[in-house]
Every structure is written in C-alpha cells, then in structure tokens.
C-alpha cells in the first residue's frame, strides 16, 4: 500500500470517528438501517397474510416467530378458526377493543379470549333464525343456518364458561348448546325477543312445553353447570313440574334463579320437595312470582329440612300476614344455615312482625329485607328493634316503606344494624391480625 493510500484511509477513519461522536452527542442514528428484509421476515409476512391456510402453525417451532406471525395477522380471522388455534391474549385484546369495548375482563375469567368468545356466542345465539327453506319443509338437516351455528359453537367449546342470553328468537334446541359446550358453568336464558316493534308475535315469548322437556333433559345430563337463571320466561306450575324432573337428578347446580315468572303454590310445592332433597343448592331466587299462603307453607317446610341453602329471595310475591308468620315459626329452631332472607313487597303485617322478632332471637340470619310491606303498628317495629339489639350478627335489615308512622323507630333500627356491621368489621380485622402474629 502506498503512503498516499495509507494517509487516505487514516483521514477516512478520522472522519468516520468524528461522525459517530457528533451523532451520539445529538442522539441521532449514525447509519441508515438495512432496508432489505431477511428471509424469516418475508416468511412471517406471507404466513400472516395467509393465516387461514395455516391456522395451526404446526411447522413453526420457535415461539417468538409464532408470536410475530400472530402480531401481524388480521384481527378479522373467523372465530371458528381463531378460537382453536390462537391463544395469545394480545390478539384477543385487540378483538375486544374493536368490537366489545365496554366489557370487563374480570367478569369473564380475567381472559380476553374467554370474554370475546362468550360475547360472540351470546350474539350468535340471540340472533339465530331458522333457515326459511328448512322451516317450510320441516327438515332440520337442510337448515344451513343451524349447521353453521353448531360449527361455530363447537369451535369455541373449550373457551366458553358463561352465557347470558337475553333473547332467543327461534326456541332453539338447547341440547345443541349443552352438548357442544362441556365447560359451561353459568347460564342465564330468556326465551323472547327484544325491540320487536310492529313484528310482535306472542309465540316468541316464554318457555314452551317442548323447550322445558329439552331443558330438563339437559339439566339431567349436565356435569358442569353451577348457576342457572331463567328469568322472564312465563314459567308456570306445569313447566316447573317438567324442569324439576331434571333438576332432581342434577348434582352441580348451586344457584337457581326463577324470578319474574308465573310460579304458583303447586310449583312452590315441587320446589319445596327439591329443597328437602338437595344438599347442593345455596342460592334460590323466586322473586316476582305468584306464591301465596299455601306456597309459603310448602317452602318453609322444605327449607326446615334443608342444610345447604344460604340465600332465599321471595320478594314481590303474594304472601299474606298469616303465611309470613307461619314461615318464621317454621324456620325458628329448624334451620341454622340460611343467612339472607328477602321478603320485600309482599302483604306482611303485625303477626309476621311479631313472629320475625322471635325468629331474630334464634337464627343465623345476617341480612333481612322486609321493606315495602304493610307493617304499621309501632309496637311491632319496637319488638323487632329489641330483638335486633340482642342479635349482633344481623348486619343488614331493611324495614323502609312500610306503614310505620314513627320514623325514629326506623332510624334506630338502621343505627343498631350499622353498629353491628362496624363491630363485625372490627372483629374480623382483629382475627386477621392475630393470625398474622401467630404465623410470625
């Protein structure tokens, strides 16, 4: 190498060094990035653009490459493809943000995938309509809409745990849902239609006999359902008789909501038999039905022989004063497991109030709601107040909107219950601190 070339190289190196120093001081990039993508990057782009052709990515063994592919692929992949093959939460988070932005992940197992799939299936079931061609021929095998629905549900079978269906236009055979969703643990279902306008059809509303038979069989076979809600389904005593044939065999349902229906005394008798039989049910909501004196007698006898029920709601029924009195008398000394009782909006008066005052002295109840009844005698309210003072375990008691003219008594009851709550909170904190000190 000549002296001239050597000096030229040194000058080039000095210029390069000064360029690097200046760029670092200005926090700028020294050299342009290599704009030519690697073969791996090209392959990732191709696979991401054609993800529906290679949804399982079986040939890709490097985890970060799989992740890069999913990052770049479209968020409009059909759910029956994505549900089986994509588990990355960032993908499902993007889907949720785009289509169901107001939902809370905490209500769906803290999983974006579970949340999206459950909301997707709810929408699918609520808007499913039978194929008109199949309807005319009564041939369900030709119902393309039903075939597509089954495929969609089956694809999501392992990621759906909860469904809240607020309308069911077609009276769909619910065995399709139960058979294809083995992990379904919570189901709320209302047979009906929303926003019908001028297209009102009476046949759309309420559970039919055939619906009840199918549902009863589903309950008999279900091994995962824990909470069942069937509100606003026009369920009467005859339908209760059909449904409870399956419920009597079911061994998993611990919470049952039959509120806002037409259950009468005969239905209450069937439910009472179930209560005496089951040792699993912990929550029962029979609010806004047509249960009166005789029905309340059946229920109180069933509860007296039950050791599992914790919460009972009988609000907005037709229980009269005598029925309420007998109910309290039956519970006294016979049931020590019931913790919450709601009798709001019945026709309860003085006899009930006096029986309740006696029950409060011998019960494990912690929350009682008797608001919106017909209690009007101040002495009866004072009897309840005296009993509450002797029972520090009751932390909620609602007696508002009765006929009691003395507001001071209601306020005093509220003060006593609130003080019970404060004392309970203090005792819980003391127990926690004592346990922590013991461990230390």
Foldseek 3Di string as FASTA:
>chain_A
DDPVVVVVVVVVVVVLVVLVVVCVVVVHDSDDDDPDDDPLVVVLLVCQAVCVVVVQPVVDDDVVSVVSSLVPHDLPDPQLSCLQHPDDQVSLVVVCCVPPVPDDCVVQVVGSSLVVLQVVLLVLQQPQDWDPVCVVVVNNVPGPSVVVNLSSLLSNQARYAEHAHPEGQHLDQCVSNLVRRLQHAYYADFQAHPPCPPVDDPVRGADDPVSLQSQLVSLQPRDHHAEYAYARRQDEQVSLVSNVVSVLNHDHHAEYHHEHYAYEQNSLLSVLVSLLRDQRHAYYEHEQYAYEQNSLLSNLQSQLNYARYAEYAHENYAYAQVSLLNSLVSCAPRYARHAEYEHAHYAHEQSNLLSVLVSLQGYQYAEYEHAQYAYADPVSLVSNLVSLLNHLRHQYYHHYHYNHPDVVSVVSSNVSSPVSVVVVVVVVVVVVVVVVVVVD
